[in-house]
Amino acid sequence: LFLFVYVVGATHGLGFLGFKVTKDNLNGGEIIALILCIIFFAYAEGYAGFMKSWSPVTARRCLLVGTLLSSNHIVKSLFIILLSPLFACGFFWAPRRRILISYLLVAMILLLVVAVRNLTSPWHEIVDCGVAVGLGTGTLSFLYFYVQAILKKELPPDIDYAYTSGTSTDLSAPLLN
């Protein structure tokens, strides 16, 4: 819930920044760059990154936390509750590929944030507008998979399983029943 509120707030702020940028008399090349940046982030981040990979995996793992909490071991349950955001994002108890993707993604995002912060105006704001569209699309796709799983009482697809050699990471046997 905290992550959702944070992303909505960040996206809202970036969106208003975008309106400010478009009112600042962009020249033709900058307007084209803004449109292309928005299209790129909507596809690369929103669709390819979130909708096709991160959202179904994270929604699935969020719901799996409930299964892990079904044990009566207090220390284990407390550990799972405290680390559930990291579990949901695939930082542990996941196939090696998912763990590697999670850590590399964080490193790449941090490097890109530093790089974009050093851009001059309006280029910094143009990239921020694209990121806002990608994050907004990604947040909506995560909510889609999460709500769909709850309503259908069926977990989102195990994207990671398709990339492993037939070893399932499915912890969901009694999950939503």
N, C-alpha and C. Protein backbone atom coordinates (compact mmCIF):
# COMPACT_ATOMS: atom_id res chain seq x y z
N LEU A 1 0.83 -1.19 0.00
CA LEU A 1 0.00 0.00 0.00
C LEU A 1 0.87 1.25 0.00
N PHE A 2 1.94 1.23 0.84
CA PHE A 2 2.84 2.38 0.89
C PHE A 2 3.47 2.64 -0.47
N LEU A 3 3.93 1.56 -1.13
CA LEU A 3 4.56 1.69 -2.44
C LEU A 3 3.58 2.28 -3.45
N PHE A 4 2.33 1.81 -3.41
CA PHE A 4 1.31 2.32 -4.33
C PHE A 4 1.10 3.82 -4.11
N VAL A 5 0.94 4.25 -2.86
CA VAL A 5 0.71 5.66 -2.55
C VAL A 5 1.92 6.48 -2.99
N TYR A 6 3.12 5.95 -2.74
CA TYR A 6 4.34 6.66 -3.14
C TYR A 6 4.41 6.83 -4.66
N VAL A 7 4.14 5.76 -5.40
CA VAL A 7 4.21 5.82 -6.86
C VAL A 7 3.15 6.76 -7.42
N VAL A 8 1.94 6.71 -6.87
CA VAL A 8 0.89 7.62 -7.32
C VAL A 8 1.30 9.07 -7.05
N GLY A 9 1.85 9.32 -5.87
CA GLY A 9 2.31 10.68 -5.54
C GLY A 9 3.42 11.14 -6.45
N ALA A 10 4.38 10.27 -6.70
CA ALA A 10 5.50 10.61 -7.58
C ALA A 10 5.01 10.85 -9.00
N THR A 11 4.13 9.98 -9.47
CA THR A 11 3.60 10.12 -10.83
C THR A 11 2.79 11.40 -10.95
N HIS A 12 2.00 11.71 -9.92
CA HIS A 12 1.20 12.93 -9.91
C HIS A 12 2.12 14.15 -10.01
N GLY A 13 3.18 14.16 -9.21
CA GLY A 13 4.14 15.27 -9.24
C GLY A 13 4.83 15.39 -10.58
N LEU A 14 5.24 14.27 -11.15
CA LEU A 14 5.89 14.30 -12.46
C LEU A 14 4.92 14.74 -13.54
N GLY A 15 3.66 14.36 -13.40
CA GLY A 15 2.66 14.77 -14.38
C GLY A 15 2.49 16.28 -14.40
N PHE A 16 2.43 16.91 -13.21
CA PHE A 16 2.33 18.36 -13.17
C PHE A 16 3.58 19.02 -13.72
N LEU A 17 4.73 18.39 -13.49
CA LEU A 17 5.97 18.88 -14.07
C LEU A 17 5.87 18.87 -15.59
N GLY A 18 5.25 17.84 -16.14
CA GLY A 18 5.05 17.74 -17.58
C GLY A 18 4.19 18.87 -18.12
N PHE A 19 3.13 19.22 -17.38
CA PHE A 19 2.30 20.33 -17.82
C PHE A 19 3.09 21.64 -17.80
N LYS A 20 3.96 21.80 -16.80
CA LYS A 20 4.81 22.98 -16.72
C LYS A 20 5.75 23.04 -17.92
N VAL A 21 6.32 21.89 -18.27
CA VAL A 21 7.25 21.83 -19.40
C VAL A 21 6.56 22.23 -20.69
N THR A 22 5.36 21.72 -20.91
CA THR A 22 4.67 22.02 -22.17
C THR A 22 4.25 23.49 -22.24
N LYS A 23 4.12 24.16 -21.10
CA LYS A 23 3.77 25.59 -21.08
C LYS A 23 5.01 26.46 -21.24
N ASP A 24 6.20 25.87 -21.15
CA ASP A 24 7.45 26.65 -21.20
C ASP A 24 7.97 26.85 -22.62
N ASN A 25 7.09 26.89 -23.59
CA ASN A 25 7.47 27.18 -24.98
C ASN A 25 8.58 26.27 -25.50
N LEU A 26 8.29 25.01 -25.59
CA LEU A 26 9.25 24.07 -26.17
C LEU A 26 9.35 24.32 -27.67
N ASN A 27 10.55 24.13 -28.21
CA ASN A 27 10.68 24.26 -29.66
C ASN A 27 10.23 22.95 -30.31
N GLY A 28 10.22 22.91 -31.62
CA GLY A 28 9.71 21.74 -32.34
C GLY A 28 10.44 20.45 -32.01
N GLY A 29 11.76 20.51 -31.94
CA GLY A 29 12.55 19.32 -31.63
C GLY A 29 12.27 18.80 -30.23
N GLU A 30 12.09 19.71 -29.30
CA GLU A 30 11.82 19.32 -27.91
C GLU A 30 10.42 18.70 -27.78
N ILE A 31 9.47 19.22 -28.54
CA ILE A 31 8.12 18.65 -28.52
C ILE A 31 8.14 17.23 -29.10
N ILE A 32 8.88 17.04 -30.19
CA ILE A 32 9.02 15.71 -30.77
C ILE A 32 9.71 14.78 -29.78
N ALA A 33 10.75 15.27 -29.12
CA ALA A 33 11.45 14.46 -28.12
C ALA A 33 10.52 14.08 -26.97
N LEU A 34 9.67 15.00 -26.53
CA LEU A 34 8.71 14.72 -25.47
C LEU A 34 7.74 13.62 -25.89
N ILE A 35 7.20 13.74 -27.10
CA ILE A 35 6.25 12.73 -27.59
C ILE A 35 6.93 11.37 -27.72
N LEU A 36 8.12 11.35 -28.30
CA LEU A 36 8.85 10.08 -28.46
C LEU A 36 9.23 9.48 -27.11
N CYS A 37 9.61 10.32 -26.16
CA CYS A 37 9.97 9.84 -24.83
C CYS A 37 8.76 9.21 -24.13
N ILE A 38 7.62 9.85 -24.26
CA ILE A 38 6.40 9.32 -23.65
C ILE A 38 6.02 7.98 -24.30
N ILE A 39 6.10 7.91 -25.62
CA ILE A 39 5.79 6.66 -26.31
C ILE A 39 6.78 5.56 -25.92
N PHE A 40 8.06 5.91 -25.88
CA PHE A 40 9.09 4.93 -25.50
C PHE A 40 8.84 4.37 -24.10
N PHE A 41 8.64 5.25 -23.12
CA PHE A 41 8.46 4.78 -21.75
C PHE A 41 7.13 4.05 -21.56
N ALA A 42 6.11 4.47 -22.28
CA ALA A 42 4.83 3.74 -22.20
C ALA A 42 5.02 2.30 -22.66
N TYR A 43 5.79 2.12 -23.74
CA TYR A 43 6.02 0.76 -24.25
C TYR A 43 7.08 0.02 -23.43
N ALA A 44 8.28 0.59 -23.34
CA ALA A 44 9.41 -0.13 -22.73
C ALA A 44 9.21 -0.37 -21.23
N GLU A 45 8.80 0.67 -20.52
CA GLU A 45 8.63 0.53 -19.07
C GLU A 45 7.24 0.00 -18.72
N GLY A 46 6.22 0.64 -19.27
CA GLY A 46 4.85 0.29 -18.90
C GLY A 46 4.40 -1.07 -19.41
N TYR A 47 4.60 -1.33 -20.70
CA TYR A 47 4.11 -2.57 -21.28
C TYR A 47 5.14 -3.71 -21.15
N ALA A 48 6.31 -3.52 -21.75
CA ALA A 48 7.30 -4.61 -21.76
C ALA A 48 7.86 -4.91 -20.37
N GLY A 49 8.14 -3.86 -19.59
CA GLY A 49 8.72 -4.07 -18.27
C GLY A 49 7.71 -4.47 -17.22
N PHE A 50 6.66 -3.67 -17.08
CA PHE A 50 5.67 -3.94 -16.04
C PHE A 50 4.65 -5.01 -16.46
N MET A 51 3.91 -4.74 -17.52
CA MET A 51 2.77 -5.60 -17.89
C MET A 51 3.19 -7.02 -18.22
N LYS A 52 4.31 -7.18 -18.90
CA LYS A 52 4.73 -8.51 -19.34
C LYS A 52 5.62 -9.24 -18.35
N SER A 53 6.14 -8.56 -17.34
CA SER A 53 7.06 -9.24 -16.44
C SER A 53 6.85 -8.88 -14.97
N TRP A 54 7.16 -7.65 -14.60
CA TRP A 54 7.21 -7.30 -13.19
C TRP A 54 5.85 -7.38 -12.50
N SER A 55 4.81 -6.88 -13.12
CA SER A 55 3.49 -6.83 -12.47
C SER A 55 2.92 -8.21 -12.14
N PRO A 56 2.88 -9.16 -13.09
CA PRO A 56 2.34 -10.47 -12.71
C PRO A 56 3.20 -11.19 -11.67
N VAL A 57 4.51 -11.06 -11.78
CA VAL A 57 5.41 -11.72 -10.81
C VAL A 57 5.21 -11.12 -9.43
N THR A 58 5.17 -9.81 -9.34
CA THR A 58 5.06 -9.15 -8.03
C THR A 58 3.68 -9.36 -7.42
N ALA A 59 2.63 -9.29 -8.23
CA ALA A 59 1.29 -9.56 -7.71
C ALA A 59 1.21 -10.98 -7.17
N ARG A 60 1.77 -11.92 -7.91
CA ARG A 60 1.79 -13.33 -7.49
C ARG A 60 2.53 -13.48 -6.16
N ARG A 61 3.70 -12.88 -6.07
CA ARG A 61 4.51 -13.01 -4.86
C ARG A 61 3.89 -12.27 -3.67
N CYS A 62 3.17 -11.18 -3.92
CA CYS A 62 2.44 -10.51 -2.83
C CYS A 62 1.40 -11.45 -2.23
N LEU A 63 0.70 -12.15 -3.10
CA LEU A 63 -0.32 -13.08 -2.63
C LEU A 63 0.30 -14.31 -1.97
N LEU A 64 1.49 -14.68 -2.39
CA LEU A 64 2.17 -15.84 -1.79
C LEU A 64 2.62 -15.56 -0.36
N VAL A 65 2.79 -14.31 -0.01
CA VAL A 65 3.18 -13.96 1.36
C VAL A 65 2.16 -14.52 2.34
N GLY A 66 0.90 -14.48 1.97
CA GLY A 66 -0.15 -15.04 2.84
C GLY A 66 0.04 -16.51 3.10
N THR A 67 0.47 -17.26 2.08
CA THR A 67 0.74 -18.69 2.26
C THR A 67 1.90 -18.90 3.21
N LEU A 68 2.93 -18.10 3.05
CA LEU A 68 4.10 -18.23 3.92
C LEU A 68 3.77 -17.89 5.36
N LEU A 69 2.80 -17.02 5.57
CA LEU A 69 2.42 -16.62 6.93
C LEU A 69 1.51 -17.63 7.61
N SER A 70 1.07 -18.65 6.90
CA SER A 70 0.13 -19.60 7.48
C SER A 70 0.76 -20.48 8.56
N SER A 71 2.08 -20.46 8.67
CA SER A 71 2.72 -21.24 9.74
C SER A 71 2.52 -20.53 11.07
N ASN A 72 2.63 -21.27 12.15
CA ASN A 72 2.43 -20.70 13.48
C ASN A 72 3.73 -20.25 14.13
N HIS A 73 4.81 -20.28 13.40
CA HIS A 73 6.11 -19.90 13.95
C HIS A 73 6.21 -18.38 13.98
N ILE A 74 6.22 -17.78 15.19
CA ILE A 74 6.16 -16.33 15.36
C ILE A 74 7.37 -15.63 14.73
N VAL A 75 8.57 -16.11 14.99
CA VAL A 75 9.78 -15.46 14.48
C VAL A 75 9.79 -15.50 12.95
N LYS A 76 9.46 -16.66 12.39
CA LYS A 76 9.42 -16.79 10.93
C LYS A 76 8.37 -15.85 10.34
N SER A 77 7.21 -15.76 10.95
CA SER A 77 6.15 -14.89 10.46
C SER A 77 6.57 -13.42 10.53
N LEU A 78 7.21 -13.03 11.61
CA LEU A 78 7.67 -11.66 11.76
C LEU A 78 8.71 -11.33 10.69
N PHE A 79 9.62 -12.26 10.45
CA PHE A 79 10.64 -12.12 9.41
C PHE A 79 9.99 -11.91 8.05
N ILE A 80 8.99 -12.72 7.75
CA ILE A 80 8.31 -12.63 6.45
C ILE A 80 7.55 -11.31 6.32
N ILE A 81 6.90 -10.88 7.40
CA ILE A 81 6.17 -9.61 7.35
C ILE A 81 7.13 -8.45 7.12
N LEU A 82 8.24 -8.42 7.84
CA LEU A 82 9.18 -7.32 7.71
C LEU A 82 9.84 -7.28 6.33
N LEU A 83 10.08 -8.43 5.76
CA LEU A 83 10.78 -8.50 4.48
C LEU A 83 9.85 -8.75 3.29
N SER A 84 8.54 -8.70 3.52
CA SER A 84 7.61 -9.02 2.43
C SER A 84 7.76 -8.12 1.20
N PRO A 85 8.06 -6.81 1.33
CA PRO A 85 8.27 -6.04 0.10
C PRO A 85 9.45 -6.56 -0.73
N LEU A 86 10.52 -6.95 -0.05
CA LEU A 86 11.68 -7.49 -0.76
C LEU A 86 11.37 -8.86 -1.36
N PHE A 87 10.59 -9.67 -0.65
CA PHE A 87 10.17 -10.96 -1.19
C PHE A 87 9.30 -10.75 -2.43
N ALA A 88 8.33 -9.84 -2.33
CA ALA A 88 7.41 -9.61 -3.44
C ALA A 88 8.15 -9.13 -4.69
N CYS A 89 9.20 -8.38 -4.51
CA CYS A 89 9.96 -7.86 -5.66
C CYS A 89 11.03 -8.84 -6.14
N GLY A 90 11.13 -10.00 -5.51
CA GLY A 90 12.01 -11.05 -6.01
C GLY A 90 13.46 -10.96 -5.57
N PHE A 91 13.73 -10.35 -4.42
CA PHE A 91 15.11 -10.24 -3.96
C PHE A 91 15.61 -11.48 -3.24
N PHE A 92 14.71 -12.37 -2.83
CA PHE A 92 15.11 -13.65 -2.23
C PHE A 92 13.98 -14.65 -2.40
N TRP A 93 14.27 -15.93 -2.13
CA TRP A 93 13.34 -17.06 -2.32
C TRP A 93 12.71 -17.01 -3.72
N ALA A 94 13.57 -16.86 -4.69
CA ALA A 94 13.13 -16.79 -6.10
C ALA A 94 14.18 -17.51 -6.94
N PRO A 95 13.84 -17.83 -8.18
CA PRO A 95 14.86 -18.40 -9.07
C PRO A 95 16.02 -17.41 -9.24
N ARG A 96 17.20 -17.95 -9.50
CA ARG A 96 18.39 -17.09 -9.66
C ARG A 96 18.16 -15.98 -10.67
N ARG A 97 17.48 -16.31 -11.75
CA ARG A 97 17.22 -15.32 -12.80
C ARG A 97 16.43 -14.14 -12.25
N ARG A 98 15.39 -14.39 -11.45
CA ARG A 98 14.57 -13.32 -10.89
C ARG A 98 15.38 -12.49 -9.91
N ILE A 99 16.17 -13.13 -9.07
CA ILE A 99 17.00 -12.40 -8.10
C ILE A 99 17.98 -11.49 -8.84
N LEU A 100 18.63 -12.04 -9.87
CA LEU A 100 19.58 -11.25 -10.65
C LEU A 100 18.88 -10.07 -11.32
N ILE A 101 17.73 -10.30 -11.90
CA ILE A 101 16.97 -9.22 -12.54
C ILE A 101 16.62 -8.15 -11.51
N SER A 102 16.18 -8.54 -10.33
CA SER A 102 15.78 -7.58 -9.30
C SER A 102 16.94 -6.68 -8.90
N TYR A 103 18.10 -7.27 -8.63
CA TYR A 103 19.25 -6.47 -8.21
C TYR A 103 19.79 -5.61 -9.34
N LEU A 104 19.86 -6.17 -10.55
CA LEU A 104 20.36 -5.38 -11.68
C LEU A 104 19.41 -4.24 -12.02
N LEU A 105 18.13 -4.47 -11.88
CA LEU A 105 17.14 -3.43 -12.14
C LEU A 105 17.31 -2.26 -11.18
N VAL A 106 17.51 -2.55 -9.91
CA VAL A 106 17.72 -1.48 -8.93
C VAL A 106 18.98 -0.70 -9.26
N ALA A 107 20.07 -1.40 -9.59
CA ALA A 107 21.32 -0.73 -9.94
C ALA A 107 21.15 0.15 -11.18
N MET A 108 20.46 -0.38 -12.19
CA MET A 108 20.24 0.37 -13.42
C MET A 108 19.39 1.61 -13.17
N ILE A 109 18.34 1.47 -12.36
CA ILE A 109 17.48 2.60 -12.06
C ILE A 109 18.27 3.69 -11.33
N LEU A 110 19.09 3.29 -10.37
CA LEU A 110 19.90 4.28 -9.64
C LEU A 110 20.85 5.02 -10.58
N LEU A 111 21.50 4.30 -11.48
CA LEU A 111 22.40 4.94 -12.45
C LEU A 111 21.64 5.89 -13.37
N LEU A 112 20.46 5.49 -13.82
CA LEU A 112 19.66 6.36 -14.68
C LEU A 112 19.17 7.60 -13.95
N VAL A 113 18.81 7.46 -12.68
CA VAL A 113 18.38 8.61 -11.90
C VAL A 113 19.51 9.63 -11.81
N VAL A 114 20.72 9.15 -11.53
CA VAL A 114 21.88 10.06 -11.45
C VAL A 114 22.12 10.73 -12.80
N ALA A 115 22.04 9.96 -13.87
CA ALA A 115 22.28 10.52 -15.21
C ALA A 115 21.23 11.56 -15.57
N VAL A 116 19.95 11.27 -15.30
CA VAL A 116 18.88 12.19 -15.67
C VAL A 116 18.93 13.45 -14.81
N ARG A 117 19.34 13.34 -13.57
CA ARG A 117 19.44 14.52 -12.71
C ARG A 117 20.44 15.53 -13.26
N ASN A 118 21.41 15.06 -14.01
CA ASN A 118 22.43 15.94 -14.56
C ASN A 118 22.05 16.55 -15.91
N LEU A 119 20.90 16.18 -16.45
CA LEU A 119 20.44 16.78 -17.70
C LEU A 119 19.97 18.21 -17.43
N THR A 120 20.09 19.03 -18.44
CA THR A 120 19.61 20.41 -18.31
C THR A 120 18.11 20.46 -18.63
N SER A 121 17.51 21.57 -18.25
CA SER A 121 16.10 21.79 -18.55
C SER A 121 15.98 22.15 -20.02
N PRO A 122 15.03 21.71 -20.77
CA PRO A 122 13.85 20.93 -20.43
C PRO A 122 14.05 19.42 -20.58
N TRP A 123 15.26 18.97 -20.87
CA TRP A 123 15.50 17.54 -21.15
C TRP A 123 15.23 16.69 -19.92
N HIS A 124 15.62 17.18 -18.77
CA HIS A 124 15.36 16.46 -17.51
C HIS A 124 13.85 16.26 -17.35
N GLU A 125 13.09 17.32 -17.56
CA GLU A 125 11.64 17.25 -17.40
C GLU A 125 10.99 16.39 -18.48
N ILE A 126 11.55 16.39 -19.69
CA ILE A 126 11.02 15.56 -20.77
C ILE A 126 11.15 14.09 -20.39
N VAL A 127 12.31 13.70 -19.87
CA VAL A 127 12.49 12.31 -19.43
C VAL A 127 11.56 12.01 -18.26
N ASP A 128 11.41 12.94 -17.33
CA ASP A 128 10.50 12.74 -16.20
C ASP A 128 9.06 12.50 -16.66
N CYS A 129 8.64 13.18 -17.71
CA CYS A 129 7.29 12.96 -18.23
C CYS A 129 7.14 11.53 -18.75
N GLY A 130 8.15 11.06 -19.47
CA GLY A 130 8.11 9.67 -19.95
C GLY A 130 8.08 8.68 -18.80
N VAL A 131 8.89 8.92 -17.78
CA VAL A 131 8.92 8.04 -16.61
C VAL A 131 7.57 8.04 -15.91
N ALA A 132 6.93 9.21 -15.81
CA ALA A 132 5.61 9.28 -15.17
C ALA A 132 4.60 8.42 -15.91
N VAL A 133 4.63 8.46 -17.24
CA VAL A 133 3.70 7.64 -18.02
C VAL A 133 4.01 6.16 -17.81
N GLY A 134 5.30 5.79 -17.82
CA GLY A 134 5.67 4.39 -17.59
C GLY A 134 5.28 3.90 -16.21
N LEU A 135 5.53 4.72 -15.18
CA LEU A 135 5.15 4.34 -13.81
C LEU A 135 3.64 4.25 -13.65
N GLY A 136 2.92 5.18 -14.26
CA GLY A 136 1.46 5.14 -14.19
C GLY A 136 0.91 3.88 -14.84
N THR A 137 1.42 3.57 -16.02
CA THR A 137 1.00 2.36 -16.72
C THR A 137 1.36 1.12 -15.91
N GLY A 138 2.56 1.12 -15.34
CA GLY A 138 2.99 -0.02 -14.53
C GLY A 138 2.16 -0.21 -13.28
N THR A 139 1.82 0.89 -12.62
CA THR A 139 0.98 0.80 -11.42
C THR A 139 -0.39 0.24 -11.76
N LEU A 140 -0.96 0.71 -12.86
CA LEU A 140 -2.26 0.18 -13.29
C LEU A 140 -2.18 -1.30 -13.65
N SER A 141 -1.09 -1.72 -14.29
CA SER A 141 -0.96 -3.14 -14.65
C SER A 141 -0.80 -4.01 -13.41
N PHE A 142 -0.04 -3.51 -12.41
CA PHE A 142 0.09 -4.27 -11.16
C PHE A 142 -1.28 -4.42 -10.49
N LEU A 143 -2.03 -3.33 -10.41
CA LEU A 143 -3.36 -3.39 -9.80
C LEU A 143 -4.28 -4.34 -10.57
N TYR A 144 -4.16 -4.34 -11.88
CA TYR A 144 -4.95 -5.25 -12.71
C TYR A 144 -4.68 -6.71 -12.33
N PHE A 145 -3.40 -7.10 -12.29
CA PHE A 145 -3.06 -8.48 -11.96
C PHE A 145 -3.44 -8.84 -10.53
N TYR A 146 -3.25 -7.92 -9.61
CA TYR A 146 -3.54 -8.18 -8.20
C TYR A 146 -5.04 -8.35 -7.97
N VAL A 147 -5.83 -7.40 -8.48
CA VAL A 147 -7.28 -7.46 -8.30
C VAL A 147 -7.86 -8.65 -9.06
N GLN A 148 -7.38 -8.91 -10.26
CA GLN A 148 -7.85 -10.06 -11.04
C GLN A 148 -7.60 -11.36 -10.28
N ALA A 149 -6.44 -11.49 -9.65
CA ALA A 149 -6.13 -12.70 -8.90
C ALA A 149 -7.08 -12.87 -7.72
N ILE A 150 -7.39 -11.79 -7.04
CA ILE A 150 -8.30 -11.87 -5.90
C ILE A 150 -9.71 -12.23 -6.36
N LEU A 151 -10.17 -11.57 -7.40
CA LEU A 151 -11.53 -11.81 -7.88
C LEU A 151 -11.71 -13.22 -8.45
N LYS A 152 -10.72 -13.69 -9.19
CA LYS A 152 -10.81 -15.02 -9.80
C LYS A 152 -10.33 -16.13 -8.86
N LYS A 153 -9.74 -15.75 -7.73
CA LYS A 153 -9.15 -16.71 -6.79
C LYS A 153 -8.15 -17.61 -7.51
N GLU A 154 -7.36 -16.95 -8.35
CA GLU A 154 -6.35 -17.65 -9.14
C GLU A 154 -5.13 -16.74 -9.27
N LEU A 155 -3.96 -17.31 -9.01
CA LEU A 155 -2.75 -16.50 -9.07
C LEU A 155 -2.41 -16.08 -10.50
N PRO A 156 -1.75 -14.93 -10.63
CA PRO A 156 -1.23 -14.55 -11.95
C PRO A 156 -0.24 -15.61 -12.44
N PRO A 157 0.04 -15.64 -13.73
CA PRO A 157 0.94 -16.66 -14.26
C PRO A 157 2.33 -16.57 -13.65
N ASP A 158 2.97 -17.74 -13.50
CA ASP A 158 4.33 -17.80 -12.96
C ASP A 158 5.30 -17.56 -14.11
N ILE A 159 5.61 -16.29 -14.35
CA ILE A 159 6.50 -15.89 -15.44
C ILE A 159 7.87 -16.53 -15.27
N ASP A 160 8.35 -16.61 -14.04
CA ASP A 160 9.67 -17.17 -13.78
C ASP A 160 9.76 -18.64 -14.17
N TYR A 161 8.67 -19.37 -14.02
CA TYR A 161 8.68 -20.80 -14.32
C TYR A 161 9.01 -21.07 -15.78
N ALA A 162 8.58 -20.16 -16.66
CA ALA A 162 8.84 -20.33 -18.09
C ALA A 162 10.32 -20.27 -18.41
N TYR A 163 11.11 -19.63 -17.55
CA TYR A 163 12.54 -19.47 -17.81
C TYR A 163 13.40 -20.46 -17.04
N THR A 164 12.80 -21.26 -16.17
CA THR A 164 13.57 -22.24 -15.42
C THR A 164 13.52 -23.58 -16.13
N SER A 165 14.32 -24.50 -15.68
CA SER A 165 14.38 -25.81 -16.35
C SER A 165 13.36 -26.77 -15.76
N GLY A 166 12.13 -26.32 -15.63
CA GLY A 166 11.07 -27.20 -15.15
C GLY A 166 10.95 -27.28 -13.64
N THR A 167 11.74 -26.51 -12.91
CA THR A 167 11.62 -26.52 -11.46
C THR A 167 10.72 -25.36 -11.06
N SER A 168 9.60 -25.67 -10.50
CA SER A 168 8.63 -24.64 -10.16
C SER A 168 9.01 -23.96 -8.85
N THR A 169 8.72 -22.68 -8.78
CA THR A 169 8.87 -21.93 -7.54
C THR A 169 7.49 -21.70 -6.93
N ASP A 170 6.54 -22.53 -7.31
CA ASP A 170 5.17 -22.33 -6.90
C ASP A 170 4.97 -22.73 -5.45
N LEU A 171 4.67 -21.77 -4.62
CA LEU A 171 4.41 -22.01 -3.20
C LEU A 171 2.90 -21.93 -2.92
N SER A 172 2.10 -21.95 -3.98
CA SER A 172 0.71 -21.54 -3.87
C SER A 172 -0.32 -22.64 -3.72
N ALA A 173 0.07 -23.83 -3.45
CA ALA A 173 -0.89 -24.94 -3.41
C ALA A 173 -2.21 -24.58 -2.71
N PRO A 174 -2.19 -24.19 -1.44
CA PRO A 174 -3.47 -23.89 -0.78
C PRO A 174 -3.81 -22.41 -0.77
N LEU A 175 -3.21 -21.62 -1.66
CA LEU A 175 -3.20 -20.17 -1.48
C LEU A 175 -4.58 -19.51 -1.39
N LEU A 176 -5.32 -19.55 -2.44
CA LEU A 176 -6.54 -18.74 -2.48
C LEU A 176 -7.81 -19.53 -2.24
N ASN A 177 -7.70 -20.75 -1.80
CA ASN A 177 -8.88 -21.57 -1.57
C ASN A 177 -9.41 -21.38 -0.17
